[in-house]
Protein backbone atom coordinates (compact mmCIF):
# COMPACT_ATOMS: atom_id res chain seq x y z
CA MET A 1 -0.16 -0.24 0.22
CA ARG A 2 1.19 3.09 -1.04
CA VAL A 3 0.91 5.41 1.79
CA ALA A 4 1.02 9.94 1.11
CA LEU A 5 2.79 11.99 3.93
CA ALA A 6 0.60 14.09 5.80
CA LEU A 7 0.48 17.53 5.46
CA THR A 8 1.84 19.46 8.42
CA ALA A 9 -0.52 22.15 9.88
CA ALA A 10 1.65 25.29 9.29
CA ALA A 11 0.76 24.37 5.55
CA VAL A 12 -2.78 23.42 6.72
CA VAL A 13 -2.66 26.96 8.20
CA ALA A 14 -1.14 28.66 5.24
CA ALA A 15 -3.64 27.31 2.76
CA VAL A 16 -6.34 28.55 4.64
CA ALA A 17 -4.61 31.91 5.09
CA THR A 18 -4.47 32.62 1.90
CA GLY A 19 -6.92 31.19 -0.08
CA ALA A 20 -3.87 28.90 -1.79
CA PRO A 21 -4.61 25.35 -2.94
CA ILE A 22 -2.77 21.98 -0.74
CA ASP A 23 -0.91 20.13 -3.27
CA GLY A 24 1.04 17.43 -2.70
CA ARG A 25 1.30 13.65 -4.05
CA GLU A 26 -0.98 13.80 -6.73
CA TRP A 27 -4.20 15.22 -4.74
CA LEU A 28 -5.66 18.65 -4.41
CA LEU A 29 -7.69 20.21 -1.71
CA ALA A 30 -8.77 23.41 -2.15
CA GLY A 31 -11.55 25.10 0.41
CA HIS A 32 -11.67 25.34 4.00
CA LEU A 33 -9.75 22.21 6.27
CA THR A 34 -11.90 23.87 9.34
CA GLN A 35 -14.62 23.33 11.59
CA GLY A 36 -17.64 23.50 9.83
CA GLY A 37 -15.91 23.69 6.56
CA ILE A 38 -16.15 22.49 3.35
CA VAL A 39 -13.46 21.62 -0.24
CA VAL A 40 -12.97 20.73 -3.05
CA GLY A 41 -11.04 18.25 -3.61
CA THR A 42 -8.87 16.38 -6.41
CA ALA A 43 -8.21 12.64 -6.14
CA PRO A 44 -4.53 11.08 -7.48
CA PRO A 45 -5.45 9.79 -11.53
CA GLY A 46 -6.67 6.34 -11.63
CA THR A 47 -8.92 7.01 -8.42
CA ARG A 48 -11.92 4.82 -8.51
CA SER A 49 -13.45 5.61 -4.82
CA VAL A 50 -12.44 7.87 -2.08
CA ARG A 51 -13.45 7.41 1.03
CA VAL A 52 -12.61 10.99 3.63
CA ASP A 53 -13.09 10.24 7.56
CA GLY A 54 -14.36 6.51 6.34
CA VAL A 55 -17.39 7.60 4.69
CA PRO A 56 -17.56 6.94 0.96
CA VAL A 57 -17.82 9.85 -1.15
CA ARG A 58 -19.98 11.20 -4.90
CA LEU A 59 -16.37 10.96 -6.93
CA GLY A 60 -16.88 13.36 -10.39
CA GLY A 61 -15.41 11.86 -13.89
CA ASP A 62 -12.69 14.41 -13.62
CA ARG A 63 -11.54 12.60 -9.95
CA ARG A 64 -12.80 16.13 -7.82
CA PHE A 65 -15.48 15.64 -4.39
CA LEU A 66 -16.75 17.56 -1.89
CA ALA A 67 -15.88 16.89 1.45
CA GLY A 68 -17.60 18.55 5.02
CA PHE A 69 -16.42 19.14 8.28
CA GLY A 70 -18.91 19.87 11.29
CA ARG A 71 -18.65 21.89 13.58
CA ASP A 72 -17.00 19.75 16.58
CA HIS A 73 -15.11 17.63 14.26
CA GLY A 74 -11.70 16.39 15.41
CA PRO A 75 -7.85 17.15 14.73
CA SER A 76 -7.58 15.24 11.60
CA ALA A 77 -9.33 13.99 8.43
CA VAL A 78 -8.20 11.35 6.32
CA PHE A 79 -8.89 10.83 2.83
CA VAL A 80 -8.20 8.03 1.20
CA ALA A 81 -7.97 7.00 -2.69
CA ARG A 82 -8.14 3.81 -3.65
CA LEU A 83 -6.34 3.21 -7.75
CA ALA A 84 -7.55 0.82 -10.13
CA ASP A 85 -4.67 -1.34 -9.37
CA GLY A 86 -6.54 -1.35 -5.93
CA HIS A 87 -3.80 0.25 -4.09
CA GLU A 88 -4.93 3.12 -2.09
CA GLU A 89 -3.37 6.32 -1.54
CA ARG A 90 -4.35 7.81 1.77
CA ARG A 91 -3.67 11.98 3.55
CA THR A 92 -4.37 12.85 6.75
CA VAL A 93 -5.18 16.24 6.54
CA PRO A 94 -5.40 18.69 10.37
CA ILE A 95 -9.10 20.23 10.54
CA MET A 96 -8.62 23.73 12.76
CA PRO A 97 -10.61 23.95 15.43
CA ARG A 98 -12.50 26.96 15.80
CA HIS A 99 -13.52 29.77 18.17
CA TYR A 100 -17.37 29.65 18.78
CA ASP A 101 -19.82 32.81 20.35
CA ILE A 102 -21.15 30.59 23.96
CA GLU A 103 -22.67 32.37 26.57
CA SER A 104 -22.87 30.53 29.34
CA ILE A 105 -26.03 32.10 31.83
CA PRO A 106 -25.34 30.09 35.54
CA SER A 107 -28.24 32.15 36.66
CA LEU A 108 -30.92 31.46 34.03
CA LYS A 109 -32.56 27.70 34.17
CA GLN A 110 -35.23 26.45 31.81
CA PRO A 111 -38.40 26.10 34.01
CA PRO A 112 -39.25 22.16 33.75
CA PRO A 113 -41.96 22.10 31.55
CA ASP A 114 -45.40 22.50 33.16
CA ALA A 115 -47.88 20.86 30.04
CA PRO A 116 -48.76 17.33 29.26
CA PRO A 117 -47.22 16.08 26.58
CA ASP A 118 -48.41 16.66 23.14
CA PRO A 119 -49.29 13.73 20.74
CA GLU A 120 -50.77 15.57 18.24
CA TYR A 121 -47.28 17.99 18.15
CA ASP A 122 -44.99 15.40 18.76
CA ALA A 123 -46.33 13.18 15.43
CA ARG A 124 -46.34 15.73 12.78
CA ARG A 125 -43.21 16.62 14.14
CA ARG A 126 -41.75 13.12 13.21
CA VAL A 127 -43.88 13.80 10.27
CA GLU A 128 -41.53 17.32 9.46
CA LEU A 129 -38.51 16.05 10.49
CA ALA A 130 -38.69 12.87 7.50
CA GLU A 131 -39.70 14.93 5.38
CA ILE A 132 -36.09 17.35 5.72
CA ALA A 133 -33.60 14.09 6.33
CA ALA A 134 -35.13 12.58 2.80
CA ALA A 135 -34.63 15.82 1.30
CA ARG A 136 -30.76 16.17 2.15
CA ALA A 137 -30.30 12.46 1.65
CA GLY A 138 -28.65 11.52 -1.83
CA GLU A 139 -25.80 12.92 -4.06
CA SER A 140 -27.37 14.60 -7.23
CA ASP A 141 -25.41 14.90 -10.21
CA GLU A 142 -26.10 18.56 -9.92
CA THR A 143 -23.00 21.20 -10.62
CA GLY A 144 -23.83 24.14 -8.45
CA TRP A 145 -21.76 23.10 -5.16
CA THR A 146 -18.24 23.92 -8.37
CA GLN A 147 -20.09 27.67 -8.56
CA ALA A 148 -19.52 30.95 -6.20
CA PHE A 149 -22.04 30.92 -3.72
CA ARG A 150 -23.43 34.52 -3.53
CA TRP A 151 -25.56 35.75 -0.35
CA PRO A 152 -29.15 34.54 -0.30
CA ALA A 153 -30.59 37.68 1.09
CA HIS A 154 -28.81 41.17 2.52
CA GLY A 155 -29.26 42.53 5.73
CA ARG A 156 -27.27 41.90 9.99
CA ILE A 157 -25.91 39.14 10.33
CA SER A 158 -27.83 38.25 13.95
CA GLY A 159 -26.51 34.63 14.15
CA VAL A 160 -23.51 33.29 13.52
CA TYR A 161 -22.66 29.19 12.77
CA GLY A 162 -21.70 27.64 16.11
CA SER A 163 -23.26 29.72 18.99
CA GLN A 164 -24.39 28.37 21.50
CA ARG A 165 -26.22 29.44 24.95
CA ILE A 166 -25.87 27.13 28.33
CA LEU A 167 -28.63 28.32 31.00
CA GLY A 168 -27.75 26.92 34.22
CA GLY A 169 -25.46 24.92 33.56
CA VAL A 170 -27.04 23.12 30.25
CA PRO A 171 -26.54 23.36 27.33
CA LYS A 172 -28.90 24.00 24.58
CA ALA A 173 -27.90 23.37 21.25
CA PRO A 174 -25.93 25.24 19.13
CA HIS A 175 -26.79 27.16 16.27
CA LEU A 176 -26.43 25.23 13.11
CA GLY A 177 -26.50 28.09 9.87
CA LEU A 178 -26.69 31.69 9.50
CA ASP A 179 -29.32 34.22 10.70
CA ILE A 180 -29.44 37.43 7.75
CA ALA A 181 -31.76 40.29 9.40
CA ALA A 182 -34.07 41.86 6.41
CA PRO A 183 -37.32 43.32 5.93
CA PRO A 184 -40.28 41.11 5.51
CA GLY A 185 -40.90 40.40 1.87
CA SER A 186 -37.01 41.30 1.29
CA PRO A 187 -35.99 38.79 -1.54
CA VAL A 188 -34.59 35.17 -0.66
CA THR A 189 -32.43 34.04 -4.16
CA ALA A 190 -30.31 31.05 -4.67
CA PRO A 191 -26.61 31.23 -3.82
CA ALA A 192 -25.89 28.68 -6.60
CA ASP A 193 -27.11 26.13 -8.72
CA GLY A 194 -29.61 23.73 -7.45
CA VAL A 195 -32.56 21.44 -7.73
CA VAL A 196 -35.63 22.53 -4.98
CA ARG A 197 -35.95 19.26 -3.11
CA LEU A 198 -38.58 20.74 -0.38
CA ALA A 199 -41.09 23.79 -1.08
CA HIS A 200 -43.72 23.57 1.22
CA GLY A 201 -44.60 24.46 5.19
CA PRO A 202 -45.27 25.89 7.77
CA PHE A 203 -43.37 23.83 9.32
CA LEU A 204 -43.66 23.52 13.39
CA LEU A 205 -39.88 25.66 14.09
CA GLU A 206 -38.09 25.75 10.13
CA GLY A 207 -41.53 27.40 8.53
CA ASN A 208 -42.00 28.27 5.16
CA LEU A 209 -39.26 26.01 3.96
CA VAL A 210 -37.13 25.61 0.39
CA MET A 211 -34.24 22.95 0.48
CA LEU A 212 -32.11 22.97 -2.37
CA ASP A 213 -29.94 20.29 -3.62
CA HIS A 214 -26.37 21.58 -5.12
CA GLY A 215 -25.21 18.55 -6.33
CA HIS A 216 -22.42 15.47 -4.29
CA GLY A 217 -24.65 15.89 -1.28
CA LEU A 218 -24.46 19.66 0.00
CA VAL A 219 -27.79 21.29 0.42
CA SER A 220 -28.56 24.60 1.59
CA ALA A 221 -31.78 25.32 3.72
CA PHE A 222 -33.87 28.85 3.58
CA LEU A 223 -36.10 28.93 7.01
CA HIS A 224 -39.07 31.24 8.19
CA LEU A 225 -39.47 32.05 4.37
CA SER A 226 -43.41 34.65 4.33
CA ARG A 227 -43.77 33.15 0.42
CA ILE A 228 -41.98 30.64 -1.31
CA ASP A 229 -41.54 31.34 -5.31
CA VAL A 230 -40.35 27.68 -6.48
CA LYS A 231 -42.04 23.62 -6.44
CA GLU A 232 -40.19 20.56 -5.27
CA GLY A 233 -38.31 19.64 -8.62
CA GLN A 234 -37.81 22.76 -10.02
CA ALA A 235 -34.09 23.46 -10.98
CA VAL A 236 -33.05 27.11 -10.77
CA LYS A 237 -29.57 28.83 -11.01
CA ARG A 238 -27.74 31.20 -8.96
CA GLY A 239 -29.98 34.15 -8.41
CA ASP A 240 -33.36 32.95 -9.27
CA THR A 241 -35.75 33.59 -6.88
CA LEU A 242 -36.39 31.63 -4.20
CA GLY A 243 -39.72 33.29 -1.80
CA LEU A 244 -39.58 36.09 1.09
CA VAL A 245 -37.97 36.81 3.66
CA GLY A 246 -40.80 36.34 6.62
CA MET A 247 -41.18 35.50 10.56
CA THR A 248 -42.89 31.54 10.02
CA GLY A 249 -42.68 29.03 12.30
CA ARG A 250 -40.57 29.60 15.53
CA ALA A 251 -38.86 33.10 14.89
CA THR A 252 -38.76 36.53 17.19
CA GLY A 253 -37.96 38.73 14.39
CA PRO A 254 -37.90 38.80 10.08
CA HIS A 255 -34.72 37.18 8.57
CA LEU A 256 -33.81 34.53 6.68
CA HIS A 257 -31.77 31.22 8.56
CA TRP A 258 -29.50 29.91 6.23
CA ALA A 259 -28.41 26.50 7.01
CA LEU A 260 -26.37 24.34 4.49
CA SER A 261 -25.39 20.64 5.03
CA TRP A 262 -22.96 17.61 3.75
CA GLY A 263 -24.67 14.79 4.25
CA ARG A 264 -25.11 14.66 7.63
CA GLU A 265 -22.31 17.64 8.28
CA ARG A 266 -23.23 20.55 9.22
CA LEU A 267 -21.37 23.38 7.69
CA ASP A 268 -21.18 27.36 7.84
CA PRO A 269 -22.77 28.96 5.45
CA GLY A 270 -20.51 32.52 5.93
CA LEU A 271 -16.99 29.74 4.36
CA LEU A 272 -18.78 30.14 0.55
CA VAL A 273 -19.53 33.93 0.52
CA PRO A 274 -18.00 36.26 -0.68
CA GLU A 275 -16.96 37.29 2.81
CA GLY A 276 -16.03 34.14 4.05
CA GLY A 277 -13.80 32.66 0.87
CA ASN A 278 -15.14 31.10 -2.38
CA LEU A 279 -14.93 27.64 -3.62
CA ARG A 280 -14.03 27.61 -6.68
């Protein structure tokens, strides 16, 4: 088995800081090797399949593939290419940690639930979660993931990826998306090409929801819309209007919550738009 040497942490830091691709032993990785980040890779010549951290990923005819790293990903990721002759090329790269906005309020405790269970709510929520999971599943041949992403809405950033509150010593679920506060009725546009996999609502928490498949497992979700202007199965181009900003579902004010996923990993959309760096 031919095993490639691991990249040094210094090399990764330099590449992430400058936006330069990471090259070596016929591998090419470009993007953000960091928690919440995403990279576009090119596997060595002769590659028949690629695994990232043991998970098979979709490989294009040009040997390009996509990989993402969740909020709490460990300190390294392992890329393995199986070649036509049965040999493997392996590359281990450091995944840079991030410092998240964590707010601890020891004096504020969550009150115990004073309402009995709501079977109707629970049943409806199970159906909603199954729909959302189905929209995220699969790895299509759509090519939007190869484009430079654009902002889907314009406004003040009111919530950042990875932030979390700890109330009375109990950690709440982290915020796995980007919130853009904008006037109600502001347009929400496709950040990259894709096919609409889900477009209806209101969901109990997400409100009116659109989910857009960019290909190779990369899916955008747009929450709390006041109006949906696309249909499931519809192909859209970057910049096409998907709907309007609203505050449907669980929202305290008009804003767009933009979530990005790659398989089971929840990623930081802010790393793809111009201010955070583009995938090329």
